[in-house]
């Protein structure tokens, strides 16, 4: 199983970025995927999640600004980030949990996911 993120970069405050995560090497028909971020010297935190029924969960810090979506045909999940703030600066990670037909009890918890991508840096400047 491999998760590959792309789309990170640098942007000024108020700008937008779109992260993509392409998944490969699995055969499960149901899965849950999430986006996490980790700033220097801080713990990894859940940002957004989506399950195979398209149910989404967003952290309070990004509600109204970020959107998570998926394209099952492309085995991909996306994180659309708008109105970015300097505090959004972090390494963003894609995560997956397969065989997830009923969703996750804690969709924004690191421990809920078994597979992780290598990360994509997002830097927001004033």
Protein backbone atom coordinates (compact mmCIF):
# COMPACT_ATOMS: atom_id res chain seq x y z
CA UNK A 1 0.00 0.00 0.00
CA UNK A 2 1.39 3.36 -1.00
CA UNK A 3 0.11 6.89 -0.44
CA UNK A 4 1.72 9.74 -2.35
CA UNK A 5 0.91 13.37 -1.60
CA UNK A 6 1.37 16.26 -3.98
CA UNK A 7 0.37 19.91 -4.29
CA UNK A 8 2.15 21.45 -1.34
CA UNK A 9 3.95 24.75 -1.63
CA UNK A 10 4.26 28.31 -0.39
CA UNK A 11 1.47 30.85 -0.46
CA UNK A 12 0.61 34.18 1.10
CA UNK A 13 -2.02 34.47 3.78
CA UNK A 14 -5.49 34.40 2.27
CA UNK A 15 -4.37 32.23 -0.60
CA UNK A 16 -5.36 28.71 -1.58
CA UNK A 17 -3.72 25.36 -2.21
CA UNK A 18 -5.00 21.93 -3.16
CA UNK A 19 -3.34 18.79 -1.86
CA UNK A 20 -3.75 15.46 -3.60
CA UNK A 21 -3.15 11.96 -2.30
CA UNK A 22 -2.95 9.02 -4.68
CA UNK A 23 -3.39 5.55 -3.19
CA UNK A 24 -2.20 2.30 -4.72
CA UNK A 25 -1.61 -1.32 -3.83
CA UNK A 26 -4.86 -2.13 -2.05
CA UNK A 27 -7.97 -4.13 -2.91
CA UNK A 28 -10.47 -3.12 -0.24
CA UNK A 29 -13.72 -1.66 -1.47
CA UNK A 30 -14.30 0.34 1.67
CA UNK A 31 -11.79 2.64 3.27
CA UNK A 32 -11.39 5.77 5.30
CA UNK A 33 -8.87 8.44 4.49
CA UNK A 34 -7.66 11.46 6.33
CA UNK A 35 -5.41 14.47 6.22
CA UNK A 36 -3.19 15.33 9.14
CA UNK A 37 -0.62 18.05 9.73
CA UNK A 38 2.38 18.51 11.93
CA UNK A 39 4.11 21.79 12.62
CA UNK A 40 7.64 21.90 14.06
CA UNK A 41 7.73 20.87 17.71
CA UNK A 42 4.01 20.13 17.71
CA UNK A 43 2.06 16.90 17.70
CA UNK A 44 0.45 15.59 14.55
CA UNK A 45 -3.18 16.68 14.42
CA UNK A 46 -6.14 15.56 12.36
CA UNK A 47 -7.45 18.07 9.84
CA UNK A 48 -10.05 16.26 7.77
CA UNK A 49 -11.34 12.77 7.02
CA UNK A 50 -13.66 11.07 4.58
CA UNK A 51 -15.05 7.55 4.48
CA UNK A 52 -16.32 5.36 1.68
CA UNK A 53 -19.84 6.77 2.17
CA UNK A 54 -18.48 10.30 1.61
CA UNK A 55 -19.08 11.24 5.23
CA UNK A 56 -16.61 13.96 6.14
CA UNK A 57 -15.18 15.29 9.39
CA UNK A 58 -13.25 18.54 9.73
CA UNK A 59 -11.36 19.93 12.67
CA UNK A 60 -12.75 23.14 14.15
CA UNK A 61 -9.63 25.02 13.14
CA UNK A 62 -10.30 24.50 9.41
CA UNK A 63 -14.08 24.37 9.18
CA UNK A 64 -15.35 26.81 6.59
CA UNK A 65 -11.92 27.02 4.94
CA UNK A 66 -10.88 23.47 4.04
CA UNK A 67 -12.79 20.82 2.07
CA UNK A 68 -11.96 17.13 1.72
CA UNK A 69 -13.15 15.13 -1.27
CA UNK A 70 -12.35 11.88 -3.03
CA UNK A 71 -12.35 10.38 -6.48
CA UNK A 72 -12.77 6.63 -6.19
CA UNK A 73 -12.03 6.02 -9.86
CA UNK A 74 -8.66 7.68 -9.44
CA UNK A 75 -8.10 6.22 -5.95
CA UNK A 76 -7.39 9.73 -4.77
CA UNK A 77 -8.37 12.06 -1.98
CA UNK A 78 -8.01 15.83 -2.03
CA UNK A 79 -7.76 18.65 0.46
CA UNK A 80 -8.86 22.03 -0.84
CA UNK A 81 -7.46 24.74 1.42
CA UNK A 82 -8.77 28.29 1.17
CA UNK A 83 -8.16 31.46 3.17
CA UNK A 84 -4.89 30.01 4.40
CA UNK A 85 -3.35 31.44 7.55
CA UNK A 86 0.24 31.38 8.82
CA UNK A 87 -0.85 28.95 11.53
CA UNK A 88 -1.74 26.46 8.77
CA UNK A 89 1.98 26.11 8.03
CA UNK A 90 2.93 22.46 8.55
CA UNK A 91 3.82 19.19 6.90
CA UNK A 92 0.59 17.66 5.68
CA UNK A 93 0.17 13.89 5.65
CA UNK A 94 -2.34 11.66 3.93
CA UNK A 95 -3.48 8.60 5.90
CA UNK A 96 -5.63 5.57 5.17
CA UNK A 97 -7.42 2.80 6.98
CA UNK A 98 -8.71 -0.01 4.81
CA UNK A 99 -11.73 -2.27 5.40
CA UNK A 100 -13.63 0.61 6.92
CA UNK A 101 -17.29 -0.06 5.99
CA UNK A 102 -18.80 1.70 9.01
CA UNK A 103 -16.48 4.66 9.27
CA UNK A 104 -14.13 5.37 12.16
CA UNK A 105 -15.01 6.09 15.77
CA UNK A 106 -12.25 8.74 15.87
CA UNK A 107 -11.67 9.87 12.29
CA UNK A 108 -9.25 12.64 13.28
CA UNK A 109 -7.14 10.47 15.55
CA UNK A 110 -3.65 9.41 14.43
CA UNK A 111 -4.17 5.97 15.92
CA UNK A 112 -7.16 5.30 13.64
CA UNK A 113 -4.99 4.94 10.54
CA UNK A 114 -2.54 2.25 9.47
CA UNK A 115 -0.97 3.75 6.37
CA UNK A 116 0.72 7.10 5.87
CA UNK A 117 2.19 9.10 3.03
CA UNK A 118 5.55 10.84 3.14
CA UNK A 119 4.09 14.31 3.58
CA UNK A 120 3.80 17.56 1.66
CA UNK A 121 5.00 20.88 3.03
CA UNK A 122 2.59 23.82 3.17
CA UNK A 123 4.01 27.21 4.10
CA UNK A 124 1.82 30.28 4.55
CA UNK A 125 3.44 33.68 4.92
CA UNK A 126 2.05 37.07 5.85
